[in-house]
Amino acid sequence: VRIDHTDNFYGVIGGLDYVYYAAGDKVYSNVPVGYSNGETAVRVTMYADDALLNCYTVDSENCLSWVQSES
């Protein structure tokens, strides 16, 4: 599943068994995108201008945090 946040920033969720939305539907932060039956790992990747981002972490409660760079 690809979710476009802006024209140049998007996320991809892989490993889902069921998805609640059709292509082109608007998604909401308080509604699940889909679910997995647990047989495969679910992967979330994020991209900016088609470059894979590695500047974030996900904690044990599945909350995303952007990594702070040192000045």
Protein backbone atom coordinates (compact mmCIF):
# COMPACT_ATOMS: atom_id res chain seq x y z
CA VAL A 1 0.00 0.00 0.00
CA ARG A 2 1.40 3.39 -0.95
CA ILE A 3 0.16 6.47 0.91
CA ASP A 4 1.08 9.84 -0.59
CA HIS A 5 1.41 12.55 2.07
CA THR A 6 2.63 15.24 -0.36
CA ASP A 7 3.74 15.22 -3.98
CA ASN A 8 7.28 14.23 -2.88
CA PHE A 9 6.75 12.39 0.43
CA TYR A 10 5.06 8.99 0.74
CA GLY A 11 5.02 5.79 2.76
CA VAL A 12 4.73 2.17 1.70
CA ILE A 13 3.19 -0.50 3.93
CA GLY A 14 4.01 -4.07 2.92
CA GLY A 15 2.95 -7.40 4.37
CA LEU A 16 -0.72 -6.62 4.94
CA ASP A 17 -3.26 -9.36 4.27
CA TYR A 18 -6.29 -7.05 4.10
CA VAL A 19 -6.61 -3.38 3.19
CA TYR A 20 -9.64 -1.25 4.00
CA TYR A 21 -9.19 1.30 1.21
CA ALA A 22 -9.30 1.29 -2.58
CA ALA A 23 -6.73 3.03 -4.78
CA GLY A 24 -7.30 6.79 -4.66
CA ASP A 25 -9.25 6.78 -1.37
CA LYS A 26 -8.35 9.32 1.31
CA VAL A 27 -6.92 7.70 4.46
CA TYR A 28 -7.21 9.03 8.01
CA SER A 29 -4.76 8.87 10.89
CA ASN A 30 -7.38 7.50 13.30
CA VAL A 31 -8.59 4.66 11.02
CA PRO A 32 -6.47 1.54 10.34
CA VAL A 33 -5.24 1.08 6.77
CA GLY A 34 -5.46 -2.71 7.00
CA TYR A 35 -4.24 -5.66 9.00
CA SER A 36 -2.04 -8.71 8.88
CA ASN A 37 -2.99 -12.21 9.93
CA GLY A 38 0.44 -12.39 11.58
CA GLU A 39 2.04 -14.90 9.24
CA THR A 40 4.45 -12.37 7.69
CA ALA A 41 6.16 -9.24 8.96
CA VAL A 42 4.58 -5.88 8.22
CA ARG A 43 7.06 -3.34 6.86
CA VAL A 44 6.72 0.42 6.69
CA THR A 45 9.12 2.44 4.57
CA MET A 46 9.07 6.15 3.88
CA TYR A 47 10.42 8.05 0.90
CA ALA A 48 11.20 11.65 -0.04
CA ASP A 49 11.72 12.30 -3.75
CA ASP A 50 11.88 8.50 -4.22
CA ALA A 51 14.85 8.25 -1.80
CA LEU A 52 14.41 5.82 1.09
CA LEU A 53 14.41 7.67 4.44
CA ASN A 54 16.26 6.30 7.46
CA CYS A 55 15.85 9.34 9.73
CA TYR A 56 13.07 7.94 11.93
CA THR A 57 12.50 5.24 14.52
CA VAL A 58 9.42 3.36 15.68
CA ASP A 59 9.07 2.57 19.39
CA SER A 60 7.47 -0.46 21.10
CA GLU A 61 4.06 1.25 20.95
CA ASN A 62 4.42 1.81 17.18
CA CYS A 63 4.91 5.58 17.55
CA LEU A 64 7.10 7.22 14.93
CA SER A 65 9.83 9.64 16.01
CA TRP A 66 12.05 11.67 13.72
CA VAL A 67 15.75 11.35 14.54
CA GLN A 68 17.33 14.61 15.62
CA SER A 69 20.58 15.40 13.87
CA GLU A 70 23.44 16.79 15.90
CA SER A 71 24.44 20.32 14.95
